[in-house]
Amino acid sequence: MRRFRRFPRCRRGRDPLTGFRRLSLTAFELGKLKIAAHVREELERAGIPFEAIHCKSGGLQARDTARLVVTVNGSPVHVDLEAREVEDCESIVAGEAWYKIAEFVGALRRAQTSQAWRAL
């Protein structure tokens, strides 16, 4: 007697539930996801209330860069990362991009504490 329902196997690279083709993500796309998840964790650890996190790339202004945009207190703040830095983030958790992100979160933390002192 089986306890779990077994899903049919995937045929010809299609998802058995939706029928759509499966596509693997590039190193750049995986790096963007990893960066956004890391920034979310760091902001939560620092106690900084944020409204949104976006990691955008492409377009006319940012062809070889990814722009990490964090919305805090209704105002967007961003940091730009080069394409090679984002691709490196897919496989390693060290390097230039991670230092930039740490400085970015640190600047947000300092801005939050200075605003808290102004409010008092």
PDB file of N, CA and C in Angstrom:
ATOM      1  N   MET A   1       0.833  -1.164   0.000  1.00  0.00           N
ATOM      2  CA  MET A   1       0.000   0.000   0.000  1.00  0.00           C
ATOM      3  C   MET A   1       0.896   1.252   0.000  1.00  0.00           C
ATOM      4  N   ARG A   2       0.707   2.142  -0.981  1.00  0.00           N
ATOM      5  CA  ARG A   2       1.503   3.355  -1.092  1.00  0.00           C
ATOM      6  C   ARG A   2       0.875   4.482  -0.296  1.00  0.00           C
ATOM      7  N   ARG A   3       1.737   5.231   0.364  1.00  0.00           N
ATOM      8  CA  ARG A   3       1.258   6.352   1.151  1.00  0.00           C
ATOM      9  C   ARG A   3       1.239   7.645   0.344  1.00  0.00           C
ATOM     10  N   PHE A   4       2.123   7.759  -0.645  1.00  0.00           N
ATOM     11  CA  PHE A   4       2.232   8.986  -1.421  1.00  0.00           C
ATOM     12  C   PHE A   4       1.840   8.716  -2.861  1.00  0.00           C
ATOM     13  N   ARG A   5       1.226   9.722  -3.474  1.00  0.00           N
ATOM     14  CA  ARG A   5       0.851   9.617  -4.876  1.00  0.00           C
ATOM     15  C   ARG A   5       2.095   9.797  -5.737  1.00  0.00           C
ATOM     16  N   ARG A   6       2.281   8.942  -6.669  1.00  0.00           N
ATOM     17  CA  ARG A   6       3.449   9.019  -7.550  1.00  0.00           C
ATOM     18  C   ARG A   6       3.072   9.776  -8.811  1.00  0.00           C
ATOM     19  N   PHE A   7       3.887  10.763  -9.145  1.00  0.00           N
ATOM     20  CA  PHE A   7       3.628  11.553 -10.345  1.00  0.00           C
ATOM     21  C   PHE A   7       4.187  10.831 -11.563  1.00  0.00           C
ATOM     22  N   PRO A   8       3.549  10.987 -12.715  1.00  0.00           N
ATOM     23  CA  PRO A   8       4.077  10.340 -13.918  1.00  0.00           C
ATOM     24  C   PRO A   8       5.434  10.916 -14.291  1.00  0.00           C
ATOM     25  N   ARG A   9       6.223  10.122 -14.939  1.00  0.00           N
ATOM     26  CA  ARG A   9       7.560  10.575 -15.340  1.00  0.00           C
ATOM     27  C   ARG A   9       7.483  11.605 -16.456  1.00  0.00           C
ATOM     28  N   CYS A  10       8.477  12.434 -16.487  1.00  0.00           N
ATOM     29  CA  CYS A  10       8.542  13.498 -17.475  1.00  0.00           C
ATOM     30  C   CYS A  10       8.949  12.919 -18.826  1.00  0.00           C
ATOM     31  N   ARG A  11       8.194  13.228 -19.871  1.00  0.00           N
ATOM     32  CA  ARG A  11       8.513  12.737 -21.215  1.00  0.00           C
ATOM     33  C   ARG A  11       8.914  13.899 -22.105  1.00  0.00           C
ATOM     34  N   ARG A  12       9.946  13.698 -22.882  1.00  0.00           N
ATOM     35  CA  ARG A  12      10.423  14.661 -23.861  1.00  0.00           C
ATOM     36  C   ARG A  12      10.675  16.048 -23.270  1.00  0.00           C
ATOM     37  N   GLY A  13      11.149  16.108 -22.041  1.00  0.00           N
ATOM     38  CA  GLY A  13      11.518  17.375 -21.437  1.00  0.00           C
ATOM     39  C   GLY A  13      10.337  18.237 -21.030  1.00  0.00           C
ATOM     40  N   ARG A  14       9.172  17.644 -20.865  1.00  0.00           N
ATOM     41  CA  ARG A  14       7.993  18.418 -20.471  1.00  0.00           C
ATOM     42  C   ARG A  14       7.612  18.111 -19.030  1.00  0.00           C
ATOM     43  N   ASP A  15       7.083  19.108 -18.370  1.00  0.00           N
ATOM     44  CA  ASP A  15       6.617  18.947 -16.999  1.00  0.00           C
ATOM     45  C   ASP A  15       5.328  18.127 -17.022  1.00  0.00           C
ATOM     46  N   PRO A  16       5.238  17.065 -16.217  1.00  0.00           N
ATOM     47  CA  PRO A  16       4.046  16.217 -16.272  1.00  0.00           C
ATOM     48  C   PRO A  16       2.778  16.900 -15.758  1.00  0.00           C
ATOM     49  N   LEU A  17       2.916  17.914 -14.914  1.00  0.00           N
ATOM     50  CA  LEU A  17       1.732  18.581 -14.372  1.00  0.00           C
ATOM     51  C   LEU A  17       1.216  19.686 -15.279  1.00  0.00           C
ATOM     52  N   THR A  18       2.108  20.495 -15.812  1.00  0.00           N
ATOM     53  CA  THR A  18       1.680  21.644 -16.613  1.00  0.00           C
ATOM     54  C   THR A  18       1.759  21.380 -18.107  1.00  0.00           C
ATOM     55  N   GLY A  19       2.637  20.476 -18.529  1.00  0.00           N
ATOM     56  CA  GLY A  19       2.813  20.212 -19.953  1.00  0.00           C
ATOM     57  C   GLY A  19       3.792  21.145 -20.631  1.00  0.00           C
ATOM     58  N   PHE A  20       4.295  22.152 -19.898  1.00  0.00           N
ATOM     59  CA  PHE A  20       5.255  23.082 -20.481  1.00  0.00           C
ATOM     60  C   PHE A  20       6.647  22.462 -20.494  1.00  0.00           C
ATOM     61  N   ARG A  21       7.467  22.938 -21.416  1.00  0.00           N
ATOM     62  CA  ARG A  21       8.846  22.464 -21.473  1.00  0.00           C
ATOM     63  C   ARG A  21       9.652  23.033 -20.323  1.00  0.00           C
ATOM     64  N   ARG A  22      10.548  22.206 -19.802  1.00  0.00           N
ATOM     65  CA  ARG A  22      11.440  22.657 -18.734  1.00  0.00           C
ATOM     66  C   ARG A  22      12.665  23.294 -19.347  1.00  0.00           C
ATOM     67  N   LEU A  23      13.071  24.423 -18.785  1.00  0.00           N
ATOM     68  CA  LEU A  23      14.277  25.110 -19.230  1.00  0.00           C
ATOM     69  C   LEU A  23      15.193  25.313 -18.031  1.00  0.00           C
ATOM     70  N   SER A  24      16.452  25.060 -18.239  1.00  0.00           N
ATOM     71  CA  SER A  24      17.393  25.296 -17.150  1.00  0.00           C
ATOM     72  C   SER A  24      17.789  26.767 -17.138  1.00  0.00           C
ATOM     73  N   LEU A  25      18.100  27.268 -15.956  1.00  0.00           N
ATOM     74  CA  LEU A  25      18.498  28.659 -15.810  1.00  0.00           C
ATOM     75  C   LEU A  25      19.979  28.819 -16.103  1.00  0.00           C
ATOM     76  N   THR A  26      20.355  29.977 -16.603  1.00  0.00           N
ATOM     77  CA  THR A  26      21.761  30.260 -16.862  1.00  0.00           C
ATOM     78  C   THR A  26      22.452  30.611 -15.540  1.00  0.00           C
ATOM     79  N   ALA A  27      23.763  30.681 -15.579  1.00  0.00           N
ATOM     80  CA  ALA A  27      24.531  31.037 -14.388  1.00  0.00           C
ATOM     81  C   ALA A  27      24.170  32.456 -13.933  1.00  0.00           C
ATOM     82  N   PHE A  28      23.896  33.337 -14.875  1.00  0.00           N
ATOM     83  CA  PHE A  28      23.524  34.714 -14.560  1.00  0.00           C
ATOM     84  C   PHE A  28      22.182  34.744 -13.832  1.00  0.00           C
ATOM     85  N   GLU A  29      21.200  34.003 -14.320  1.00  0.00           N
ATOM     86  CA  GLU A  29      19.876  33.979 -13.686  1.00  0.00           C
ATOM     87  C   GLU A  29      19.928  33.334 -12.305  1.00  0.00           C
ATOM     88  N   LEU A  30      20.695  32.258 -12.164  1.00  0.00           N
ATOM     89  CA  LEU A  30      20.854  31.631 -10.850  1.00  0.00           C
ATOM     90  C   LEU A  30      21.557  32.564  -9.872  1.00  0.00           C
ATOM     91  N   GLY A  31      22.554  33.296 -10.372  1.00  0.00           N
ATOM     92  CA  GLY A  31      23.256  34.270  -9.536  1.00  0.00           C
ATOM     93  C   GLY A  31      22.332  35.366  -9.044  1.00  0.00           C
ATOM     94  N   LYS A  32      21.445  35.859  -9.921  1.00  0.00           N
ATOM     95  CA  LYS A  32      20.492  36.890  -9.513  1.00  0.00           C
ATOM     96  C   LYS A  32      19.562  36.376  -8.412  1.00  0.00           C
ATOM     97  N   LEU A  33      19.094  35.149  -8.545  1.00  0.00           N
ATOM     98  CA  LEU A  33      18.224  34.563  -7.526  1.00  0.00           C
ATOM     99  C   LEU A  33      18.949  34.406  -6.195  1.00  0.00           C
ATOM    100  N   LYS A  34      20.200  33.953  -6.277  1.00  0.00           N
ATOM    101  CA  LYS A  34      20.985  33.745  -5.063  1.00  0.00           C
ATOM    102  C   LYS A  34      21.275  35.077  -4.365  1.00  0.00           C
ATOM    103  N   ILE A  35      21.554  36.109  -5.136  1.00  0.00           N
ATOM    104  CA  ILE A  35      21.813  37.431  -4.573  1.00  0.00           C
ATOM    105  C   ILE A  35      20.568  37.968  -3.882  1.00  0.00           C
ATOM    106  N   ALA A  36      19.423  37.874  -4.536  1.00  0.00           N
ATOM    107  CA  ALA A  36      18.181  38.384  -3.946  1.00  0.00           C
ATOM    108  C   ALA A  36      17.853  37.652  -2.645  1.00  0.00           C
ATOM    109  N   ALA A  37      18.038  36.337  -2.624  1.00  0.00           N
ATOM    110  CA  ALA A  37      17.770  35.560  -1.411  1.00  0.00           C
ATOM    111  C   ALA A  37      18.739  35.954  -0.296  1.00  0.00           C
ATOM    112  N   HIS A  38      20.000  36.165  -0.643  1.00  0.00           N
ATOM    113  CA  HIS A  38      21.008  36.532   0.357  1.00  0.00           C
ATOM    114  C   HIS A  38      20.709  37.918   0.945  1.00  0.00           C
ATOM    115  N   VAL A  39      20.349  38.862   0.092  1.00  0.00           N
ATOM    116  CA  VAL A  39      20.042  40.216   0.563  1.00  0.00           C
ATOM    117  C   VAL A  39      18.821  40.179   1.476  1.00  0.00           C
ATOM    118  N   ARG A  40      17.824  39.386   1.115  1.00  0.00           N
ATOM    119  CA  ARG A  40      16.638  39.240   1.958  1.00  0.00           C
ATOM    120  C   ARG A  40      17.008  38.730   3.347  1.00  0.00           C
ATOM    121  N   GLU A  41      17.867  37.708   3.399  1.00  0.00           N
ATOM    122  CA  GLU A  41      18.310  37.168   4.684  1.00  0.00           C
ATOM    123  C   GLU A  41      19.075  38.210   5.494  1.00  0.00           C
ATOM    124  N   GLU A  42      19.960  38.934   4.841  1.00  0.00           N
ATOM    125  CA  GLU A  42      20.771  39.936   5.541  1.00  0.00           C
ATOM    126  C   GLU A  42      19.914  41.087   6.065  1.00  0.00           C
ATOM    127  N   LEU A  43      18.916  41.514   5.286  1.00  0.00           N
ATOM    128  CA  LEU A  43      18.039  42.589   5.743  1.00  0.00           C
ATOM    129  C   LEU A  43      17.197  42.133   6.929  1.00  0.00           C
ATOM    130  N   GLU A  44      16.710  40.903   6.886  1.00  0.00           N
ATOM    131  CA  GLU A  44      15.940  40.381   8.012  1.00  0.00           C
ATOM    132  C   GLU A  44      16.814  40.232   9.250  1.00  0.00           C
ATOM    133  N   ARG A  45      18.052  39.789   9.062  1.00  0.00           N
ATOM    134  CA  ARG A  45      18.975  39.641  10.188  1.00  0.00           C
ATOM    135  C   ARG A  45      19.309  41.000  10.809  1.00  0.00           C
ATOM    136  N   ALA A  46      19.419  42.026   9.976  1.00  0.00           N
ATOM    137  CA  ALA A  46      19.738  43.370  10.461  1.00  0.00           C
ATOM    138  C   ALA A  46      18.514  44.076  11.041  1.00  0.00           C
ATOM    139  N   GLY A  47      17.326  43.507  10.830  1.00  0.00           N
ATOM    140  CA  GLY A  47      16.106  44.126  11.349  1.00  0.00           C
ATOM    141  C   GLY A  47      15.648  45.316  10.545  1.00  0.00           C
ATOM    142  N   ILE A  48      15.989  45.351   9.278  1.00  0.00           N
ATOM    143  CA  ILE A  48      15.599  46.455   8.408  1.00  0.00           C
ATOM    144  C   ILE A  48      14.294  46.072   7.709  1.00  0.00           C
ATOM    145  N   PRO A  49      13.215  46.818   7.955  1.00  0.00           N
ATOM    146  CA  PRO A  49      11.952  46.496   7.279  1.00  0.00           C
ATOM    147  C   PRO A  49      12.013  46.937   5.817  1.00  0.00           C
ATOM    148  N   PHE A  50      11.803  46.027   4.913  1.00  0.00           N
ATOM    149  CA  PHE A  50      11.851  46.341   3.487  1.00  0.00           C
ATOM    150  C   PHE A  50      10.525  45.959   2.859  1.00  0.00           C
ATOM    151  N   GLU A  51      10.205  46.611   1.760  1.00  0.00           N
ATOM    152  CA  GLU A  51       8.946  46.362   1.080  1.00  0.00           C
ATOM    153  C   GLU A  51       9.116  45.479  -0.146  1.00  0.00           C
ATOM    154  N   ALA A  52      10.241  45.610  -0.838  1.00  0.00           N
ATOM    155  CA  ALA A  52      10.449  44.822  -2.054  1.00  0.00           C
ATOM    156  C   ALA A  52      11.936  44.700  -2.349  1.00  0.00           C
ATOM    157  N   ILE A  53      12.286  43.603  -3.016  1.00  0.00           N
ATOM    158  CA  ILE A  53      13.645  43.379  -3.506  1.00  0.00           C
ATOM    159  C   ILE A  53      13.520  42.953  -4.962  1.00  0.00           C
ATOM    160  N   HIS A  54      14.221  43.643  -5.846  1.00  0.00           N
ATOM    161  CA  HIS A  54      14.231  43.298  -7.263  1.00  0.00           C
ATOM    162  C   HIS A  54      15.667  43.201  -7.730  1.00  0.00           C
ATOM    163  N   CYS A  55      15.948  42.246  -8.569  1.00  0.00           N
ATOM    164  CA  CYS A  55      17.262  42.149  -9.207  1.00  0.00           C
ATOM    165  C   CYS A  55      16.994  42.187 -10.705  1.00  0.00           C
ATOM    166  N   LYS A  56      17.168  43.361 -11.296  1.00  0.00           N
ATOM    167  CA  LYS A  56      16.821  43.581 -12.701  1.00  0.00           C
ATOM    168  C   LYS A  56      18.072  43.561 -13.564  1.00  0.00           C
ATOM    169  N   SER A  57      17.880  43.156 -14.809  1.00  0.00           N
ATOM    170  CA  SER A  57      18.998  43.174 -15.755  1.00  0.00           C
ATOM    171  C   SER A  57      18.453  43.382 -17.158  1.00  0.00           C
ATOM    172  N   GLY A  58      19.358  43.719 -18.062  1.00  0.00           N
ATOM    173  CA  GLY A  58      18.962  43.929 -19.446  1.00  0.00           C
ATOM    174  C   GLY A  58      18.415  45.322 -19.667  1.00  0.00           C
ATOM    175  N   GLY A  59      17.876  45.529 -20.837  1.00  0.00           N
ATOM    176  CA  GLY A  59      17.336  46.841 -21.167  1.00  0.00           C
ATOM    177  C   GLY A  59      18.396  47.729 -21.775  1.00  0.00           C
ATOM    178  N   LEU A  60      18.021  48.954 -22.039  1.00  0.00           N
ATOM    179  CA  LEU A  60      18.936  49.880 -22.701  1.00  0.00           C
ATOM    180  C   LEU A  60      19.993  50.444 -21.765  1.00  0.00           C
ATOM    181  N   GLN A  61      19.615  50.731 -20.505  1.00  0.00           N
ATOM    182  CA  GLN A  61      20.578  51.343 -19.597  1.00  0.00           C
ATOM    183  C   GLN A  61      21.547  50.342 -18.987  1.00  0.00           C
ATOM    184  N   ALA A  62      21.111  49.117 -18.759  1.00  0.00           N
ATOM    185  CA  ALA A  62      21.935  48.156 -18.022  1.00  0.00           C
ATOM    186  C   ALA A  62      22.100  46.862 -18.815  1.00  0.00           C
ATOM    187  N   ARG A  63      22.932  46.880 -19.826  1.00  0.00           N
ATOM    188  CA  ARG A  63      23.109  45.682 -20.652  1.00  0.00           C
ATOM    189  C   ARG A  63      24.004  44.644 -19.993  1.00  0.00           C
ATOM    190  N   ASP A  64      25.135  45.073 -19.465  1.00  0.00           N
ATOM    191  CA  ASP A  64      26.083  44.135 -18.869  1.00  0.00           C
ATOM    192  C   ASP A  64      26.082  44.205 -17.353  1.00  0.00           C
ATOM    193  N   THR A  65      25.011  44.686 -16.775  1.00  0.00           N
ATOM    194  CA  THR A  65      24.939  44.799 -15.325  1.00  0.00           C
ATOM    195  C   THR A  65      23.603  44.275 -14.818  1.00  0.00           C
ATOM    196  N   ALA A  66      23.575  44.003 -13.537  1.00  0.00           N
ATOM    197  CA  ALA A  66      22.331  43.670 -12.844  1.00  0.00           C
ATOM    198  C   ALA A  66      22.162  44.720 -11.762  1.00  0.00           C
ATOM    199  N   ARG A  67      20.977  45.245 -11.652  1.00  0.00           N
ATOM    200  CA  ARG A  67      20.704  46.274 -10.651  1.00  0.00           C
ATOM    201  C   ARG A  67      19.856  45.653  -9.547  1.00  0.00           C
ATOM    202  N   LEU A  68      20.399  45.680  -8.339  1.00  0.00           N
ATOM    203  CA  LEU A  68      19.690  45.194  -7.168  1.00  0.00           C
ATOM    204  C   LEU A  68      18.983  46.387  -6.533  1.00  0.00           C
ATOM    205  N   VAL A  69      17.648  46.335  -6.517  1.00  0.00           N
ATOM    206  CA  VAL A  69      16.842  47.441  -5.999  1.00  0.00           C
ATOM    207  C   VAL A  69      16.102  46.956  -4.758  1.00  0.00           C
ATOM    208  N   VAL A  70      16.285  47.670  -3.654  1.00  0.00           N
ATOM    209  CA  VAL A  70      15.591  47.362  -2.406  1.00  0.00           C
ATOM    210  C   VAL A  70      14.756  48.586  -2.048  1.00  0.00           C
ATOM    211  N   THR A  71      13.467  48.364  -1.804  1.00  0.00           N
ATOM    212  CA  THR A  71      12.580  49.456  -1.417  1.00  0.00           C
ATOM    213  C   THR A  71      12.433  49.451   0.102  1.00  0.00           C
ATOM    214  N   VAL A  72      12.912  50.526   0.730  1.00  0.00           N
ATOM    215  CA  VAL A  72      12.859  50.680   2.181  1.00  0.00           C
ATOM    216  C   VAL A  72      12.143  51.993   2.475  1.00  0.00           C
ATOM    217  N   ASN A  73      11.108  51.927   3.298  1.00  0.00           N
ATOM    218  CA  ASN A  73      10.318  53.110   3.664  1.00  0.00           C
ATOM    219  C   ASN A  73       9.810  53.874   2.441  1.00  0.00           C
ATOM    220  N   GLY A  74       9.418  53.158   1.421  1.00  0.00           N
ATOM    221  CA  GLY A  74       8.841  53.778   0.229  1.00  0.00           C
ATOM    222  C   GLY A  74       9.833  54.341  -0.759  1.00  0.00           C
ATOM    223  N   SER A  75      11.123  54.314  -0.453  1.00  0.00           N
ATOM    224  CA  SER A  75      12.112  54.858  -1.382  1.00  0.00           C
ATOM    225  C   SER A  75      13.039  53.745  -1.868  1.00  0.00           C
ATOM    226  N   PRO A  76      13.197  53.611  -3.186  1.00  0.00           N
ATOM    227  CA  PRO A  76      14.082  52.579  -3.724  1.00  0.00           C
ATOM    228  C   PRO A  76      15.552  52.989  -3.618  1.00  0.00           C
ATOM    229  N   VAL A  77      16.379  52.023  -3.239  1.00  0.00           N
ATOM    230  CA  VAL A  77      17.825  52.205  -3.157  1.00  0.00           C
ATOM    231  C   VAL A  77      18.435  51.083  -3.981  1.00  0.00           C
ATOM    232  N   HIS A  78      19.502  51.376  -4.733  1.00  0.00           N
ATOM    233  CA  HIS A  78      20.036  50.336  -5.606  1.00  0.00           C
ATOM    234  C   HIS A  78      21.561  50.253  -5.546  1.00  0.00           C
ATOM    235  N   VAL A  79      22.049  49.111  -6.009  1.00  0.00           N
ATOM    236  CA  VAL A  79      23.476  48.891  -6.223  1.00  0.00           C
ATOM    237  C   VAL A  79      23.605  48.130  -7.540  1.00  0.00           C
ATOM    238  N   ASP A  80      24.604  48.492  -8.347  1.00  0.00           N
ATOM    239  CA  ASP A  80      24.819  47.841  -9.634  1.00  0.00           C
ATOM    240  C   ASP A  80      25.926  46.800  -9.526  1.00  0.00           C
ATOM    241  N   LEU A  81      25.699  45.649 -10.134  1.00  0.00           N
ATOM    242  CA  LEU A  81      26.675  44.562 -10.157  1.00  0.00           C
ATOM    243  C   LEU A  81      26.968  44.200 -11.607  1.00  0.00           C
ATOM    244  N   GLU A  82      28.232  43.918 -11.913  1.00  0.00           N
ATOM    245  CA  GLU A  82      28.613  43.521 -13.264  1.00  0.00           C
ATOM    246  C   GLU A  82      28.163  42.093 -13.536  1.00  0.00           C
ATOM    247  N   ALA A  83      28.013  41.761 -14.817  1.00  0.00           N
ATOM    248  CA  ALA A  83      27.517  40.441 -15.207  1.00  0.00           C
ATOM    249  C   ALA A  83      28.433  39.328 -14.700  1.00  0.00           C
ATOM    250  N   ARG A  84      29.732  39.521 -14.769  1.00  0.00           N
ATOM    251  CA  ARG A  84      30.640  38.464 -14.311  1.00  0.00           C
ATOM    252  C   ARG A  84      30.547  38.259 -12.804  1.00  0.00           C
ATOM    253  N   GLU A  85      30.290  39.341 -12.051  1.00  0.00           N
ATOM    254  CA  GLU A  85      30.121  39.223 -10.609  1.00  0.00           C
ATOM    255  C   GLU A  85      28.877  38.405 -10.277  1.00  0.00           C
ATOM    256  N   VAL A  86      27.802  38.646 -11.025  1.00  0.00           N
ATOM    257  CA  VAL A  86      26.556  37.914 -10.790  1.00  0.00           C
ATOM    258  C   VAL A  86      26.742  36.442 -11.136  1.00  0.00           C
ATOM    259  N   GLU A  87      27.426  36.155 -12.233  1.00  0.00           N
ATOM    260  CA  GLU A  87      27.671  34.762 -12.619  1.00  0.00           C
ATOM    261  C   GLU A  87      28.546  34.052 -11.594  1.00  0.00           C
ATOM    262  N   ASP A  88      29.502  34.762 -10.995  1.00  0.00           N
ATOM    263  CA  ASP A  88      30.344  34.164  -9.953  1.00  0.00           C
ATOM    264  C   ASP A  88      29.530  33.833  -8.709  1.00  0.00           C
ATOM    265  N   CYS A  89      28.493  34.614  -8.427  1.00  0.00           N
ATOM    266  CA  CYS A  89      27.660  34.386  -7.240  1.00  0.00           C
ATOM    267  C   CYS A  89      26.889  33.082  -7.344  1.00  0.00           C
ATOM    268  N   GLU A  90      26.692  32.583  -8.547  1.00  0.00           N
ATOM    269  CA  GLU A  90      25.965  31.328  -8.727  1.00  0.00           C
ATOM    270  C   GLU A  90      26.728  30.162  -8.130  1.00  0.00           C
ATOM    271  N   SER A  91      28.055  30.234  -8.180  1.00  0.00           N
ATOM    272  CA  SER A  91      28.843  29.076  -7.743  1.00  0.00           C
ATOM    273  C   SER A  91      29.619  29.293  -6.440  1.00  0.00           C
ATOM    274  N   ILE A  92      29.982  30.536  -6.120  1.00  0.00           N
ATOM    275  CA  ILE A  92      30.761  30.776  -4.904  1.00  0.00           C
ATOM    276  C   ILE A  92      30.086  31.846  -4.050  1.00  0.00           C
ATOM    277  N   VAL A  93      30.364  31.833  -2.766  1.00  0.00           N
ATOM    278  CA  VAL A  93      29.790  32.816  -1.851  1.00  0.00           C
ATOM    279  C   VAL A  93      30.912  33.674  -1.283  1.00  0.00           C
ATOM    280  N   ALA A  94      31.743  34.162  -2.161  1.00  0.00           N
ATOM    281  CA  ALA A  94      32.834  35.054  -1.774  1.00  0.00           C
ATOM    282  C   ALA A  94      33.200  35.876  -3.000  1.00  0.00           C
ATOM    283  N   GLY A  95      33.837  36.983  -2.780  1.00  0.00           N
ATOM    284  CA  GLY A  95      34.276  37.787  -3.908  1.00  0.00           C
ATOM    285  C   GLY A  95      33.744  39.199  -3.855  1.00  0.00           C
ATOM    286  N   GLU A  96      34.005  39.919  -4.946  1.00  0.00           N
ATOM    287  CA  GLU A  96      33.670  41.324  -5.040  1.00  0.00           C
ATOM    288  C   GLU A  96      32.192  41.618  -4.829  1.00  0.00           C
ATOM    289  N   ALA A  97      31.341  40.830  -5.469  1.00  0.00           N
ATOM    290  CA  ALA A  97      29.897  41.083  -5.393  1.00  0.00           C
ATOM    291  C   ALA A  97      29.388  40.963  -3.963  1.00  0.00           C
ATOM    292  N   TRP A  98      29.879  39.975  -3.241  1.00  0.00           N
ATOM    293  CA  TRP A  98      29.415  39.786  -1.865  1.00  0.00           C
ATOM    294  C   TRP A  98      29.884  40.923  -0.966  1.00  0.00           C
ATOM    295  N   TYR A  99      31.082  41.477  -1.240  1.00  0.00           N
ATOM    296  CA  TYR A  99      31.544  42.643  -0.485  1.00  0.00           C
ATOM    297  C   TYR A  99      30.684  43.866  -0.789  1.00  0.00           C
ATOM    298  N   LYS A 100      30.317  44.036  -2.065  1.00  0.00           N
ATOM    299  CA  LYS A 100      29.441  45.148  -2.440  1.00  0.00           C
ATOM    300  C   LYS A 100      28.090  45.026  -1.734  1.00  0.00           C
ATOM    301  N   ILE A 101      27.566  43.805  -1.677  1.00  0.00           N
ATOM    302  CA  ILE A 101      26.272  43.578  -1.039  1.00  0.00           C
ATOM    303  C   ILE A 101      26.369  43.848   0.464  1.00  0.00           C
ATOM    304  N   ALA A 102      27.468  43.413   1.090  1.00  0.00           N
ATOM    305  CA  ALA A 102      27.656  43.656   2.521  1.00  0.00           C
ATOM    306  C   ALA A 102      27.740  45.158   2.807  1.00  0.00           C
ATOM    307  N   GLU A 103      28.445  45.908   1.961  1.00  0.00           N
ATOM    308  CA  GLU A 103      28.528  47.356   2.133  1.00  0.00           C
ATOM    309  C   GLU A 103      27.161  48.007   1.926  1.00  0.00           C
ATOM    310  N   PHE A 104      26.408  47.505   0.950  1.00  0.00           N
ATOM    311  CA  PHE A 104      25.071  48.014   0.649  1.00  0.00           C
ATOM    312  C   PHE A 104      24.142  47.836   1.852  1.00  0.00           C
ATOM    313  N   VAL A 105      24.133  46.644   2.427  1.00  0.00           N
ATOM    314  CA  VAL A 105      23.287  46.372   3.595  1.00  0.00           C
ATOM    315  C   VAL A 105      23.772  47.192   4.795  1.00  0.00           C
ATOM    316  N   GLY A 106      25.081  47.320   4.941  1.00  0.00           N
ATOM    317  CA  GLY A 106      25.626  48.146   6.018  1.00  0.00           C
ATOM    318  C   GLY A 106      25.208  49.604   5.891  1.00  0.00           C
ATOM    319  N   ALA A 107      25.197  50.117   4.667  1.00  0.00           N
ATOM    320  CA  ALA A 107      24.763  51.497   4.446  1.00  0.00           C
ATOM    321  C   ALA A 107      23.281  51.655   4.776  1.00  0.00           C
ATOM    322  N   LEU A 108      22.478  50.669   4.422  1.00  0.00           N
ATOM    323  CA  LEU A 108      21.057  50.714   4.783  1.00  0.00           C
ATOM    324  C   LEU A 108      20.875  50.680   6.296  1.00  0.00           C
ATOM    325  N   ARG A 109      21.679  49.875   6.968  1.00  0.00           N
ATOM    326  CA  ARG A 109      21.608  49.776   8.427  1.00  0.00           C
ATOM    327  C   ARG A 109      21.983  51.116   9.069  1.00  0.00           C
ATOM    328  N   ARG A 110      23.061  51.730   8.572  1.00  0.00           N
ATOM    329  CA  ARG A 110      23.477  53.030   9.111  1.00  0.00           C
ATOM    330  C   ARG A 110      22.419  54.101   8.849  1.00  0.00           C
ATOM    331  N   ALA A 111      21.813  54.072   7.665  1.00  0.00           N
ATOM    332  CA  ALA A 111      20.773  55.048   7.333  1.00  0.00           C
ATOM    333  C   ALA A 111      19.555  54.856   8.228  1.00  0.00           C
ATOM    334  N   GLN A 112      19.226  53.612   8.521  1.00  0.00           N
ATOM    335  CA  GLN A 112      18.078  53.336   9.377  1.00  0.00           C
ATOM    336  C   GLN A 112      18.333  53.831  10.795  1.00  0.00           C
ATOM    337  N   THR A 113      19.532  53.588  11.328  1.00  0.00           N
ATOM    338  CA  THR A 113      19.823  54.029  12.690  1.00  0.00           C
ATOM    339  C   THR A 113      19.895  55.551  12.771  1.00  0.00           C
ATOM    340  N   SER A 114      20.418  56.211  11.735  1.00  0.00           N
ATOM    341  CA  SER A 114      20.474  57.683  11.765  1.00  0.00           C
ATOM    342  C   SER A 114      19.078  58.267  11.684  1.00  0.00           C
ATOM    343  N   GLN A 115      18.182  57.642  10.940  1.00  0.00           N
ATOM    344  CA  GLN A 115      16.796  58.113  10.875  1.00  0.00           C
ATOM    345  C   GLN A 115      16.094  57.875  12.207  1.00  0.00           C
ATOM    346  N   ALA A 116      16.439  56.783  12.891  1.00  0.00           N
ATOM    347  CA  ALA A 116      15.837  56.513  14.192  1.00  0.00           C
ATOM    348  C   ALA A 116      16.267  57.571  15.203  1.00  0.00           C
ATOM    349  N   TRP A 117      17.526  58.014  15.135  1.00  0.00           N
ATOM    350  CA  TRP A 117      17.996  59.035  16.058  1.00  0.00           C
ATOM    351  C   TRP A 117      17.323  60.373  15.751  1.00  0.00           C
ATOM    352  N   ARG A 118      17.089  60.666  14.474  1.00  0.00           N
ATOM    353  CA  ARG A 118      16.411  61.907  14.108  1.00  0.00           C
ATOM    354  C   ARG A 118      14.975  61.936  14.609  1.00  0.00           C
ATOM    355  N   ALA A 119      14.333  60.755  14.597  1.00  0.00           N
ATOM    356  CA  ALA A 119      12.932  60.671  15.027  1.00  0.00           C
ATOM    357  C   ALA A 119      12.801  60.898  16.537  1.00  0.00           C
ATOM    358  N   LEU A 120      13.848  60.563  17.297  1.00  0.00           N
ATOM    359  CA  LEU A 120      13.798  60.753  18.755  1.00  0.00           C
ATOM    360  C   LEU A 120      14.046  62.186  19.058  1.00  0.00           C
TER     361      LEU A 120
END
